[in-house]
Amino acid sequence: MAATTIGRPVARSSAQLVADLSPLPAVLVVNYRYNVLTRNSGMAGMFVDFDTLPPSRRNAM
Protein backbone atom coordinates (compact mmCIF):
# COMPACT_ATOMS: atom_id res chain seq x y z
CA MET A 1 0.00 0.00 0.00
CA ALA A 2 1.31 3.40 -0.89
CA ALA A 3 1.43 6.56 1.11
CA THR A 4 -0.66 9.44 -0.13
CA THR A 5 0.87 12.88 -0.25
CA ILE A 6 -1.64 15.53 0.74
CA GLY A 7 -1.28 18.87 -0.95
CA ARG A 8 2.40 19.67 -0.41
CA PRO A 9 5.64 18.12 -1.64
CA VAL A 10 7.14 15.45 0.62
CA ALA A 11 10.53 13.81 0.24
CA ARG A 12 10.21 10.44 -1.47
CA SER A 13 12.05 8.74 1.40
CA SER A 14 9.58 10.15 3.93
CA ALA A 15 6.59 9.05 1.89
CA GLN A 16 8.17 5.60 1.50
CA LEU A 17 8.67 5.31 5.26
CA VAL A 18 4.98 5.99 5.86
CA ALA A 19 4.01 3.51 3.11
CA ASP A 20 6.28 0.81 4.57
CA LEU A 21 4.44 0.98 7.89
CA SER A 22 1.24 -0.39 6.31
CA PRO A 23 -0.99 -1.98 7.46
CA LEU A 24 -0.32 0.02 10.62
CA PRO A 25 -1.85 3.50 10.54
CA ALA A 26 0.81 6.14 9.96
CA VAL A 27 0.80 9.85 9.32
CA LEU A 28 3.68 12.24 8.77
CA VAL A 29 3.43 15.67 10.35
CA VAL A 30 6.46 17.71 9.41
CA ASN A 31 5.88 21.42 9.48
CA TYR A 32 5.62 23.72 12.46
CA ARG A 33 1.84 24.06 12.04
CA TYR A 34 1.26 20.30 12.50
CA ASN A 35 -0.19 20.01 9.01
CA VAL A 36 -0.63 16.45 7.79
CA LEU A 37 1.62 16.04 4.76
CA THR A 38 1.30 12.33 4.00
CA ARG A 39 -0.56 9.31 5.35
CA ASN A 40 -1.08 5.67 4.49
CA SER A 41 -4.28 3.77 3.85
CA GLY A 42 -4.28 2.31 7.38
CA MET A 43 -4.61 5.83 8.75
CA ALA A 44 -7.43 6.66 6.36
CA GLY A 45 -9.28 3.46 7.22
CA MET A 46 -8.90 3.62 11.00
CA PHE A 47 -9.10 7.31 11.84
CA VAL A 48 -9.80 9.98 9.24
CA ASP A 49 -9.24 10.19 5.50
CA PHE A 50 -7.49 13.54 5.17
CA ASP A 51 -8.06 13.48 1.40
CA THR A 52 -11.75 14.13 2.03
CA LEU A 53 -11.06 17.24 4.11
CA PRO A 54 -10.41 20.72 2.75
CA PRO A 55 -6.76 21.84 3.12
CA SER A 56 -7.62 24.13 6.03
CA ARG A 57 -8.83 21.10 8.06
CA ARG A 58 -5.82 18.81 7.40
CA ASN A 59 -4.18 19.53 10.72
CA ALA A 60 -3.19 17.13 13.49
CA MET A 61 -4.16 19.49 16.31
PDB file of N, CA and C in Angstrom:
ATOM      1  N   MET A   1       0.840  -1.178   0.000  1.00  0.00           N
ATOM      2  CA  MET A   1       0.000   0.000   0.000  1.00  0.00           C
ATOM      3  C   MET A   1       0.885   1.241   0.000  1.00  0.00           C
ATOM      4  N   ALA A   2       0.505   2.189  -0.743  1.00  0.00           N
ATOM      5  CA  ALA A   2       1.314   3.400  -0.890  1.00  0.00           C
ATOM      6  C   ALA A   2       0.864   4.477   0.080  1.00  0.00           C
ATOM      7  N   ALA A   3       1.771   5.373   0.334  1.00  0.00           N
ATOM      8  CA  ALA A   3       1.426   6.562   1.107  1.00  0.00           C
ATOM      9  C   ALA A   3       0.838   7.582   0.155  1.00  0.00           C
ATOM     10  N   THR A   4      -0.052   8.383   0.664  1.00  0.00           N
ATOM     11  CA  THR A   4      -0.663   9.440  -0.125  1.00  0.00           C
ATOM     12  C   THR A   4      -0.133  10.774   0.357  1.00  0.00           C
ATOM     13  N   THR A   5       0.401  11.541  -0.568  1.00  0.00           N
ATOM     14  CA  THR A   5       0.867  12.883  -0.248  1.00  0.00           C
ATOM     15  C   THR A   5      -0.313  13.830  -0.347  1.00  0.00           C
ATOM     16  N   ILE A   6      -0.460  14.669   0.645  1.00  0.00           N
ATOM     17  CA  ILE A   6      -1.637  15.529   0.739  1.00  0.00           C
ATOM     18  C   ILE A   6      -1.236  16.980   0.527  1.00  0.00           C
ATOM     19  N   GLY A   7      -1.402  17.451  -0.678  1.00  0.00           N
ATOM     20  CA  GLY A   7      -1.280  18.872  -0.946  1.00  0.00           C
ATOM     21  C   GLY A   7       0.096  19.463  -1.104  1.00  0.00           C
ATOM     22  N   ARG A   8       1.089  19.038  -0.363  1.00  0.00           N
ATOM     23  CA  ARG A   8       2.404  19.671  -0.409  1.00  0.00           C
ATOM     24  C   ARG A   8       3.465  18.631  -0.739  1.00  0.00           C
ATOM     25  N   PRO A   9       4.578  19.071  -1.314  1.00  0.00           N
ATOM     26  CA  PRO A   9       5.640  18.118  -1.644  1.00  0.00           C
ATOM     27  C   PRO A   9       6.241  17.489  -0.389  1.00  0.00           C
ATOM     28  N   VAL A  10       6.520  16.207  -0.470  1.00  0.00           N
ATOM     29  CA  VAL A  10       7.141  15.452   0.619  1.00  0.00           C
ATOM     30  C   VAL A  10       8.297  14.671   0.013  1.00  0.00           C
ATOM     31  N   ALA A  11       9.396  14.591   0.722  1.00  0.00           N
ATOM     32  CA  ALA A  11      10.534  13.812   0.240  1.00  0.00           C
ATOM     33  C   ALA A  11      10.102  12.372  -0.015  1.00  0.00           C
ATOM     34  N   ARG A  12      10.587  11.812  -1.104  1.00  0.00           N
ATOM     35  CA  ARG A  12      10.211  10.442  -1.473  1.00  0.00           C
ATOM     36  C   ARG A  12      10.536   9.459  -0.355  1.00  0.00           C
ATOM     37  N   SER A  13      11.670   9.644   0.322  1.00  0.00           N
ATOM     38  CA  SER A  13      12.053   8.740   1.399  1.00  0.00           C
ATOM     39  C   SER A  13      11.075   8.821   2.573  1.00  0.00           C
ATOM     40  N   SER A  14      10.563   9.999   2.849  1.00  0.00           N
ATOM     41  CA  SER A  14       9.581  10.150   3.931  1.00  0.00           C
ATOM     42  C   SER A  14       8.263   9.483   3.563  1.00  0.00           C
ATOM     43  N   ALA A  15       7.820   9.688   2.342  1.00  0.00           N
ATOM     44  CA  ALA A  15       6.586   9.048   1.885  1.00  0.00           C
ATOM     45  C   ALA A  15       6.743   7.541   1.884  1.00  0.00           C
ATOM     46  N   GLN A  16       7.932   7.051   1.512  1.00  0.00           N
ATOM     47  CA  GLN A  16       8.174   5.603   1.499  1.00  0.00           C
ATOM     48  C   GLN A  16       8.151   5.037   2.913  1.00  0.00           C
ATOM     49  N   LEU A  17       8.698   5.752   3.867  1.00  0.00           N
ATOM     50  CA  LEU A  17       8.670   5.313   5.265  1.00  0.00           C
ATOM     51  C   LEU A  17       7.233   5.123   5.742  1.00  0.00           C
ATOM     52  N   VAL A  18       6.383   6.081   5.462  1.00  0.00           N
ATOM     53  CA  VAL A  18       4.976   5.993   5.855  1.00  0.00           C
ATOM     54  C   VAL A  18       4.311   4.812   5.145  1.00  0.00           C
ATOM     55  N   ALA A  19       4.596   4.626   3.873  1.00  0.00           N
ATOM     56  CA  ALA A  19       4.014   3.511   3.113  1.00  0.00           C
ATOM     57  C   ALA A  19       4.478   2.172   3.667  1.00  0.00           C
ATOM     58  N   ASP A  20       5.734   2.071   4.057  1.00  0.00           N
ATOM     59  CA  ASP A  20       6.280   0.811   4.566  1.00  0.00           C
ATOM     60  C   ASP A  20       5.670   0.395   5.900  1.00  0.00           C
ATOM     61  N   LEU A  21       5.061   1.303   6.606  1.00  0.00           N
ATOM     62  CA  LEU A  21       4.441   0.980   7.893  1.00  0.00           C
ATOM     63  C   LEU A  21       3.071   0.311   7.744  1.00  0.00           C
ATOM     64  N   SER A  22       2.532   0.276   6.532  1.00  0.00           N
ATOM     65  CA  SER A  22       1.243  -0.391   6.309  1.00  0.00           C
ATOM     66  C   SER A  22       1.380  -1.855   6.669  1.00  0.00           C
ATOM     67  N   PRO A  23       0.378  -2.442   7.282  1.00  0.00           N
ATOM     68  CA  PRO A  23      -0.994  -1.982   7.459  1.00  0.00           C
ATOM     69  C   PRO A  23      -1.221  -1.150   8.723  1.00  0.00           C
ATOM     70  N   LEU A  24      -0.162  -0.825   9.442  1.00  0.00           N
ATOM     71  CA  LEU A  24      -0.322   0.022  10.621  1.00  0.00           C
ATOM     72  C   LEU A  24      -0.646   1.450  10.196  1.00  0.00           C
ATOM     73  N   PRO A  25      -1.549   2.121  10.899  1.00  0.00           N
ATOM     74  CA  PRO A  25      -1.855   3.504  10.544  1.00  0.00           C
ATOM     75  C   PRO A  25      -0.648   4.398  10.795  1.00  0.00           C
ATOM     76  N   ALA A  26      -0.326   5.226   9.811  1.00  0.00           N
ATOM     77  CA  ALA A  26       0.808   6.135   9.956  1.00  0.00           C
ATOM     78  C   ALA A  26       0.501   7.446   9.256  1.00  0.00           C
ATOM     79  N   VAL A  27       0.964   8.515   9.877  1.00  0.00           N
ATOM     80  CA  VAL A  27       0.802   9.851   9.321  1.00  0.00           C
ATOM     81  C   VAL A  27       2.097  10.613   9.566  1.00  0.00           C
ATOM     82  N   LEU A  28       2.473  11.445   8.633  1.00  0.00           N
ATOM     83  CA  LEU A  28       3.681  12.239   8.769  1.00  0.00           C
ATOM     84  C   LEU A  28       3.299  13.700   8.930  1.00  0.00           C
ATOM     85  N   VAL A  29       3.678  14.265  10.069  1.00  0.00           N
ATOM     86  CA  VAL A  29       3.428  15.665  10.348  1.00  0.00           C
ATOM     87  C   VAL A  29       4.799  16.320  10.443  1.00  0.00           C
ATOM     88  N   VAL A  30       5.104  17.189   9.496  1.00  0.00           N
ATOM     89  CA  VAL A  30       6.460  17.711   9.415  1.00  0.00           C
ATOM     90  C   VAL A  30       6.570  19.174   9.784  1.00  0.00           C
ATOM     91  N   ASN A  31       5.650  19.985   9.324  1.00  0.00           N
ATOM     92  CA  ASN A  31       5.881  21.417   9.484  1.00  0.00           C
ATOM     93  C   ASN A  31       5.463  21.938  10.866  1.00  0.00           C
ATOM     94  N   TYR A  32       5.834  23.127  11.134  1.00  0.00           N
ATOM     95  CA  TYR A  32       5.619  23.722  12.456  1.00  0.00           C
ATOM     96  C   TYR A  32       4.149  23.964  12.786  1.00  0.00           C
ATOM     97  N   ARG A  33       3.274  23.867  11.808  1.00  0.00           N
ATOM     98  CA  ARG A  33       1.841  24.062  12.040  1.00  0.00           C
ATOM     99  C   ARG A  33       1.102  22.743  12.272  1.00  0.00           C
ATOM    100  N   TYR A  34       1.827  21.639  12.317  1.00  0.00           N
ATOM    101  CA  TYR A  34       1.255  20.298  12.496  1.00  0.00           C
ATOM    102  C   TYR A  34       0.318  19.903  11.360  1.00  0.00           C
ATOM    103  N   ASN A  35       0.594  20.410  10.167  1.00  0.00           N
ATOM    104  CA  ASN A  35      -0.192  20.014   9.013  1.00  0.00           C
ATOM    105  C   ASN A  35       0.161  18.590   8.609  1.00  0.00           C
ATOM    106  N   VAL A  36      -0.835  17.810   8.244  1.00  0.00           N
ATOM    107  CA  VAL A  36      -0.635  16.445   7.790  1.00  0.00           C
ATOM    108  C   VAL A  36      -0.161  16.509   6.339  1.00  0.00           C
ATOM    109  N   LEU A  37       1.031  15.958   6.087  1.00  0.00           N
ATOM    110  CA  LEU A  37       1.624  16.042   4.765  1.00  0.00           C
ATOM    111  C   LEU A  37       1.494  14.741   3.982  1.00  0.00           C
ATOM    112  N   THR A  38       1.484  13.618   4.657  1.00  0.00           N
ATOM    113  CA  THR A  38       1.298  12.330   4.001  1.00  0.00           C
ATOM    114  C   THR A  38       0.722  11.343   5.006  1.00  0.00           C
ATOM    115  N   ARG A  39       0.024  10.351   4.496  1.00  0.00           N
ATOM    116  CA  ARG A  39      -0.559   9.313   5.351  1.00  0.00           C
ATOM    117  C   ARG A  39      -0.659   8.039   4.530  1.00  0.00           C
ATOM    118  N   ASN A  40      -0.870   6.910   5.215  1.00  0.00           N
ATOM    119  CA  ASN A  40      -1.075   5.673   4.485  1.00  0.00           C
ATOM    120  C   ASN A  40      -2.531   5.237   4.591  1.00  0.00           C
ATOM    121  N   SER A  41      -2.884   4.189   3.894  1.00  0.00           N
ATOM    122  CA  SER A  41      -4.284   3.766   3.850  1.00  0.00           C
ATOM    123  C   SER A  41      -4.777   3.251   5.200  1.00  0.00           C
ATOM    124  N   GLY A  42      -3.877   2.731   6.040  1.00  0.00           N
ATOM    125  CA  GLY A  42      -4.281   2.310   7.379  1.00  0.00           C
ATOM    126  C   GLY A  42      -4.800   3.477   8.198  1.00  0.00           C
ATOM    127  N   MET A  43      -4.164   4.617   8.052  1.00  0.00           N
ATOM    128  CA  MET A  43      -4.612   5.827   8.747  1.00  0.00           C
ATOM    129  C   MET A  43      -5.979   6.264   8.246  1.00  0.00           C
ATOM    130  N   ALA A  44      -6.153   6.237   6.942  1.00  0.00           N
ATOM    131  CA  ALA A  44      -7.429   6.656   6.359  1.00  0.00           C
ATOM    132  C   ALA A  44      -8.552   5.723   6.770  1.00  0.00           C
ATOM    133  N   GLY A  45      -8.249   4.433   6.869  1.00  0.00           N
ATOM    134  CA  GLY A  45      -9.281   3.465   7.224  1.00  0.00           C
ATOM    135  C   GLY A  45      -9.628   3.456   8.701  1.00  0.00           C
ATOM    136  N   MET A  46      -8.663   3.728   9.554  1.00  0.00           N
ATOM    137  CA  MET A  46      -8.903   3.617  10.995  1.00  0.00           C
ATOM    138  C   MET A  46      -9.345   4.931  11.644  1.00  0.00           C
ATOM    139  N   PHE A  47      -8.803   6.044  11.181  1.00  0.00           N
ATOM    140  CA  PHE A  47      -9.096   7.306  11.840  1.00  0.00           C
ATOM    141  C   PHE A  47      -9.869   8.258  10.929  1.00  0.00           C
ATOM    142  N   VAL A  48      -9.149   9.007  10.131  1.00  0.00           N
ATOM    143  CA  VAL A  48      -9.803   9.977   9.243  1.00  0.00           C
ATOM    144  C   VAL A  48      -9.073   9.974   7.899  1.00  0.00           C
ATOM    145  N   ASP A  49      -9.828  10.097   6.837  1.00  0.00           N
ATOM    146  CA  ASP A  49      -9.235  10.191   5.504  1.00  0.00           C
ATOM    147  C   ASP A  49      -9.024  11.671   5.201  1.00  0.00           C
ATOM    148  N   PHE A  50      -7.801  12.124   5.357  1.00  0.00           N
ATOM    149  CA  PHE A  50      -7.491  13.542   5.173  1.00  0.00           C
ATOM    150  C   PHE A  50      -7.741  14.016   3.753  1.00  0.00           C
ATOM    151  N   ASP A  51      -7.769  13.086   2.780  1.00  0.00           N
ATOM    152  CA  ASP A  51      -8.063  13.480   1.395  1.00  0.00           C
ATOM    153  C   ASP A  51      -9.468  14.033   1.242  1.00  0.00           C
ATOM    154  N   THR A  52     -10.363  13.665   2.125  1.00  0.00           N
ATOM    155  CA  THR A  52     -11.749  14.128   2.025  1.00  0.00           C
ATOM    156  C   THR A  52     -11.964  15.483   2.693  1.00  0.00           C
ATOM    157  N   LEU A  53     -10.956  15.966   3.406  1.00  0.00           N
ATOM    158  CA  LEU A  53     -11.060  17.237   4.112  1.00  0.00           C
ATOM    159  C   LEU A  53     -10.495  18.379   3.278  1.00  0.00           C
ATOM    160  N   PRO A  54     -11.020  19.574   3.428  1.00  0.00           N
ATOM    161  CA  PRO A  54     -10.411  20.723   2.751  1.00  0.00           C
ATOM    162  C   PRO A  54      -9.034  21.002   3.370  1.00  0.00           C
ATOM    163  N   PRO A  55      -8.117  21.592   2.622  1.00  0.00           N
ATOM    164  CA  PRO A  55      -6.764  21.844   3.124  1.00  0.00           C
ATOM    165  C   PRO A  55      -6.712  22.545   4.478  1.00  0.00           C
ATOM    166  N   SER A  56      -7.637  23.417   4.747  1.00  0.00           N
ATOM    167  CA  SER A  56      -7.616  24.133   6.026  1.00  0.00           C
ATOM    168  C   SER A  56      -7.943  23.234   7.207  1.00  0.00           C
ATOM    169  N   ARG A  57      -8.475  22.034   6.981  1.00  0.00           N
ATOM    170  CA  ARG A  57      -8.826  21.105   8.057  1.00  0.00           C
ATOM    171  C   ARG A  57      -7.846  19.947   8.190  1.00  0.00           C
ATOM    172  N   ARG A  58      -6.788  19.905   7.391  1.00  0.00           N
ATOM    173  CA  ARG A  58      -5.819  18.812   7.404  1.00  0.00           C
ATOM    174  C   ARG A  58      -4.709  19.109   8.413  1.00  0.00           C
ATOM    175  N   ASN A  59      -5.103  19.175   9.653  1.00  0.00           N
ATOM    176  CA  ASN A  59      -4.184  19.533  10.718  1.00  0.00           C
ATOM    177  C   ASN A  59      -4.311  18.502  11.832  1.00  0.00           C
ATOM    178  N   ALA A  60      -3.196  18.144  12.445  1.00  0.00           N
ATOM    179  CA  ALA A  60      -3.193  17.125  13.494  1.00  0.00           C
ATOM    180  C   ALA A  60      -3.630  17.639  14.855  1.00  0.00           C
ATOM    181  N   MET A  61      -3.755  18.941  15.009  1.00  0.00           N
ATOM    182  CA  MET A  61      -4.159  19.494  16.307  1.00  0.00           C
ATOM    183  C   MET A  61      -5.629  19.626  16.319  1.00  0.00           C
TER     184      MET A  61
END
